[in-house]
Structures are given as structure tokens and as C-alpha cells.
Amino acid sequence: MTREPGTTRPTEQHTVTVNGGVRLAYEVTGPPAGQPVLLLPALGKTAADWAAVRDELARKRRVFALDLRGHGASARPRSYSLPLMRDDVPAFLDALGLDRVDLVDPRGGAARVHGGRFGVPR
């Protein structure tokens, strides 16, 4: 567990294995009972790029910030592509047992691809 400068809540770093053995790294912070929100980075960015937003949201929300495959602390498997990264997102949610999340996606691609998986019960 680390505490980012200027925050009141610790940020935990974890990994989860999805889709045939791909290890994805993520950060989580905020009250455990808070409504979950998933922060997805833009291509070439990492969960750490969300630090300011993460810390603000974590005042009331349970915040998950994901490193996509091949990015940040996540594994760099032999194969990675936009479709594979897309498929990792629902696998990540399933692995963590997250039935309902709000999504913050700088490009909006995940919401378009996965539609009703975000912001509504699955």
C-alpha cells in the first residue's frame, strides 16, 4: 500500500490474471462500500496518469485504475492489440466481481464497445 502525496486514503497496487494468463495491474482506493468507478487510460498511458482524478473521486467512490496489457505494470504478452485490450476490460470486471461500475474513459471507446456493461447492472 502506498499513500500518494496530498491524499488521505492509501492507494493499493494489485494484479489479476485474465484471458488465458495475462496479468493486469491496477490501483484501488476509496471507501470499500463506495460506488465503484473504473478509470481506463488512453493508449500509451497508465493508471498513474489518473492520480489527481483518482484521489478526488476516492473521497466518496471506490476507484479502480487499470493498466492495460502492455502498459505500466501490466504484463507484456507476446500478443496485444486493441481487440485484446478491449476484451480484457470485462474479464477484469468479472475477475474482481464488479457487477456495476461507472466508467471514465478518455476516448469513450470502451463504452461504445461494451455498451450496457457500464453504469447499469450486468
C-alpha atoms as a PDB file:
ATOM      1  CA  MET A   1       0.000   0.000   0.000  1.00  0.00           C
ATOM      2  CA  THR A   2       1.235   3.467  -0.808  1.00  0.00           C
ATOM      3  CA  ARG A   3      -0.083   6.851   0.062  1.00  0.00           C
ATOM      4  CA  GLU A   4       0.223   9.368  -2.726  1.00  0.00           C
ATOM      5  CA  PRO A   5       1.310  12.869  -1.649  1.00  0.00           C
ATOM      6  CA  GLY A   6      -1.672  15.014  -0.684  1.00  0.00           C
ATOM      7  CA  THR A   7      -4.124  12.123  -0.322  1.00  0.00           C
ATOM      8  CA  THR A   8      -5.928  10.938   2.750  1.00  0.00           C
ATOM      9  CA  ARG A   9      -6.530   7.366   1.555  1.00  0.00           C
ATOM     10  CA  PRO A  10      -3.904   4.766   0.730  1.00  0.00           C
ATOM     11  CA  THR A  11      -3.688   3.535  -2.836  1.00  0.00           C
ATOM     12  CA  GLU A  12      -3.247  -0.214  -3.137  1.00  0.00           C
ATOM     13  CA  GLN A  13      -1.483  -1.858  -6.082  1.00  0.00           C
ATOM     14  CA  HIS A  14      -2.773  -5.270  -7.162  1.00  0.00           C
ATOM     15  CA  THR A  15      -2.672  -7.643 -10.090  1.00  0.00           C
ATOM     16  CA  VAL A  16      -5.256 -10.001 -11.521  1.00  0.00           C
ATOM     17  CA  THR A  17      -4.866 -12.643 -14.208  1.00  0.00           C
ATOM     18  CA  VAL A  18      -7.355 -12.665 -17.084  1.00  0.00           C
ATOM     19  CA  ASN A  19      -7.840 -14.110 -20.578  1.00  0.00           C
ATOM     20  CA  GLY A  20      -5.508 -17.045 -20.602  1.00  0.00           C
ATOM     21  CA  GLY A  21      -2.874 -15.798 -18.201  1.00  0.00           C
ATOM     22  CA  VAL A  22      -2.450 -12.076 -18.896  1.00  0.00           C
ATOM     23  CA  ARG A  23      -1.501 -10.280 -15.673  1.00  0.00           C
ATOM     24  CA  LEU A  24      -3.147  -6.874 -15.397  1.00  0.00           C
ATOM     25  CA  ALA A  25      -2.006  -4.360 -12.795  1.00  0.00           C
ATOM     26  CA  TYR A  26      -4.419  -1.953 -11.175  1.00  0.00           C
ATOM     27  CA  GLU A  27      -4.688   0.550  -8.366  1.00  0.00           C
ATOM     28  CA  VAL A  28      -7.603   0.727  -5.967  1.00  0.00           C
ATOM     29  CA  THR A  29      -8.507   3.302  -3.361  1.00  0.00           C
ATOM     30  CA  GLY A  30     -11.519   4.869  -1.718  1.00  0.00           C
ATOM     31  CA  PRO A  31     -14.108   3.569   0.717  1.00  0.00           C
ATOM     32  CA  PRO A  32     -14.778  -0.154   0.188  1.00  0.00           C
ATOM     33  CA  ALA A  33     -18.541   0.455   0.267  1.00  0.00           C
ATOM     34  CA  GLY A  34     -18.335   3.339  -2.235  1.00  0.00           C
ATOM     35  CA  GLN A  35     -19.909   3.074  -5.692  1.00  0.00           C
ATOM     36  CA  PRO A  36     -17.146   1.655  -7.933  1.00  0.00           C
ATOM     37  CA  VAL A  37     -15.693   3.632 -10.805  1.00  0.00           C
ATOM     38  CA  LEU A  38     -13.198   2.284 -13.349  1.00  0.00           C
ATOM     39  CA  LEU A  39     -10.588   4.616 -14.815  1.00  0.00           C
ATOM     40  CA  LEU A  40      -9.231   3.452 -18.171  1.00  0.00           C
ATOM     41  CA  PRO A  41      -6.074   5.094 -19.500  1.00  0.00           C
ATOM     42  CA  ALA A  42      -5.604   6.277 -23.049  1.00  0.00           C
ATOM     43  CA  LEU A  43      -3.239   4.234 -25.204  1.00  0.00           C
ATOM     44  CA  GLY A  44       0.331   4.727 -24.079  1.00  0.00           C
ATOM     45  CA  LYS A  45      -0.791   5.948 -20.648  1.00  0.00           C
ATOM     46  CA  THR A  46      -1.046   4.180 -17.288  1.00  0.00           C
ATOM     47  CA  ALA A  47      -3.171   4.077 -14.165  1.00  0.00           C
ATOM     48  CA  ALA A  48      -0.727   6.513 -12.543  1.00  0.00           C
ATOM     49  CA  ASP A  49      -1.769   9.187 -15.047  1.00  0.00           C
ATOM     50  CA  TRP A  50      -5.144   9.293 -13.275  1.00  0.00           C
ATOM     51  CA  ALA A  51      -3.666  10.172  -9.841  1.00  0.00           C
ATOM     52  CA  ALA A  52      -5.347  13.583  -9.422  1.00  0.00           C
ATOM     53  CA  VAL A  53      -8.730  12.369 -10.696  1.00  0.00           C
ATOM     54  CA  ARG A  54      -8.421   9.115  -8.736  1.00  0.00           C
ATOM     55  CA  ASP A  55      -7.734  10.959  -5.490  1.00  0.00           C
ATOM     56  CA  GLU A  56     -10.655  13.342  -5.942  1.00  0.00           C
ATOM     57  CA  LEU A  57     -13.103  10.558  -6.806  1.00  0.00           C
ATOM     58  CA  ALA A  58     -11.808   8.418  -3.927  1.00  0.00           C
ATOM     59  CA  ARG A  59     -13.280  10.818  -1.401  1.00  0.00           C
ATOM     60  CA  LYS A  60     -16.638   9.064  -1.894  1.00  0.00           C
ATOM     61  CA  ARG A  61     -16.124   6.364  -4.534  1.00  0.00           C
ATOM     62  CA  ARG A  62     -14.244   3.060  -4.727  1.00  0.00           C
ATOM     63  CA  VAL A  63     -11.813   3.801  -7.562  1.00  0.00           C
ATOM     64  CA  PHE A  64     -10.127   1.209  -9.766  1.00  0.00           C
ATOM     65  CA  ALA A  65      -7.449   2.462 -12.187  1.00  0.00           C
ATOM     66  CA  LEU A  66      -6.307  -0.154 -14.686  1.00  0.00           C
ATOM     67  CA  ASP A  67      -3.050  -0.581 -16.588  1.00  0.00           C
ATOM     68  CA  LEU A  68      -3.979  -2.119 -19.930  1.00  0.00           C
ATOM     69  CA  ARG A  69      -1.971  -5.108 -21.207  1.00  0.00           C
ATOM     70  CA  GLY A  70       1.427  -3.964 -22.414  1.00  0.00           C
ATOM     71  CA  HIS A  71       1.202  -0.749 -20.368  1.00  0.00           C
ATOM     72  CA  GLY A  72       2.531   0.333 -16.976  1.00  0.00           C
ATOM     73  CA  ALA A  73       2.957  -2.533 -14.533  1.00  0.00           C
ATOM     74  CA  SER A  74       0.786  -4.955 -16.539  1.00  0.00           C
ATOM     75  CA  ALA A  75       2.297  -7.886 -18.398  1.00  0.00           C
ATOM     76  CA  ARG A  76       3.638  -7.511 -21.896  1.00  0.00           C
ATOM     77  CA  PRO A  77       2.401 -10.712 -23.512  1.00  0.00           C
ATOM     78  CA  ARG A  78       3.503 -11.749 -26.972  1.00  0.00           C
ATOM     79  CA  SER A  79       0.158 -10.656 -28.394  1.00  0.00           C
ATOM     80  CA  TYR A  80      -1.607  -7.432 -27.721  1.00  0.00           C
ATOM     81  CA  SER A  81      -3.967  -5.411 -29.825  1.00  0.00           C
ATOM     82  CA  LEU A  82      -6.946  -3.127 -29.431  1.00  0.00           C
ATOM     83  CA  PRO A  83      -9.417  -6.061 -29.574  1.00  0.00           C
ATOM     84  CA  LEU A  84      -7.433  -7.968 -26.926  1.00  0.00           C
ATOM     85  CA  MET A  85      -7.244  -4.899 -24.661  1.00  0.00           C
ATOM     86  CA  ARG A  86     -10.976  -4.384 -25.202  1.00  0.00           C
ATOM     87  CA  ASP A  87     -11.703  -7.966 -24.132  1.00  0.00           C
ATOM     88  CA  ASP A  88      -9.527  -7.585 -21.029  1.00  0.00           C
ATOM     89  CA  VAL A  89     -11.857  -4.952 -19.562  1.00  0.00           C
ATOM     90  CA  PRO A  90     -14.925  -7.164 -18.944  1.00  0.00           C
ATOM     91  CA  ALA A  91     -12.612 -10.009 -17.885  1.00  0.00           C
ATOM     92  CA  PHE A  92     -11.082  -7.629 -15.317  1.00  0.00           C
ATOM     93  CA  LEU A  93     -14.534  -6.696 -14.013  1.00  0.00           C
ATOM     94  CA  ASP A  94     -15.558 -10.346 -13.808  1.00  0.00           C
ATOM     95  CA  ALA A  95     -12.341 -11.331 -12.001  1.00  0.00           C
ATOM     96  CA  LEU A  96     -12.974  -8.679  -9.353  1.00  0.00           C
ATOM     97  CA  GLY A  97     -16.686  -9.478  -9.093  1.00  0.00           C
ATOM     98  CA  LEU A  98     -17.691  -5.964 -10.081  1.00  0.00           C
ATOM     99  CA  ASP A  99     -21.298  -6.108 -11.269  1.00  0.00           C
ATOM    100  CA  ARG A 100     -21.838  -2.398 -11.696  1.00  0.00           C
ATOM    101  CA  VAL A 101     -19.267   0.317 -12.380  1.00  0.00           C
ATOM    102  CA  ASP A 102     -19.189   3.801 -13.737  1.00  0.00           C
ATOM    103  CA  LEU A 103     -16.575   4.237 -16.420  1.00  0.00           C
ATOM    104  CA  VAL A 104     -14.159   7.075 -17.055  1.00  0.00           C
ATOM    105  CA  ASP A 105     -12.613   6.530 -20.472  1.00  0.00           C
ATOM    106  CA  PRO A 106     -10.817   9.478 -22.091  1.00  0.00           C
ATOM    107  CA  ARG A 107     -11.718   8.374 -25.618  1.00  0.00           C
ATOM    108  CA  GLY A 108     -15.092   6.750 -24.965  1.00  0.00           C
ATOM    109  CA  GLY A 109     -14.186   3.601 -26.875  1.00  0.00           C
ATOM    110  CA  ALA A 110     -14.882   1.096 -24.111  1.00  0.00           C
ATOM    111  CA  ALA A 111     -18.387   2.401 -23.504  1.00  0.00           C
ATOM    112  CA  ARG A 112     -19.188   2.181 -27.221  1.00  0.00           C
ATOM    113  CA  VAL A 113     -17.825  -1.349 -27.475  1.00  0.00           C
ATOM    114  CA  HIS A 114     -19.262  -2.771 -24.277  1.00  0.00           C
ATOM    115  CA  GLY A 115     -22.479  -0.753 -24.166  1.00  0.00           C
ATOM    116  CA  GLY A 116     -24.599  -1.714 -21.184  1.00  0.00           C
ATOM    117  CA  ARG A 117     -21.770  -3.222 -19.153  1.00  0.00           C
ATOM    118  CA  PHE A 118     -21.083   0.160 -17.610  1.00  0.00           C
ATOM    119  CA  GLY A 119     -23.315   2.207 -15.348  1.00  0.00           C
ATOM    120  CA  VAL A 120     -26.042  -0.428 -15.296  1.00  0.00           C
ATOM    121  CA  PRO A 121     -26.292  -3.852 -13.661  1.00  0.00           C
ATOM    122  CA  ARG A 122     -24.973  -6.733 -15.734  1.00  0.00           C
END
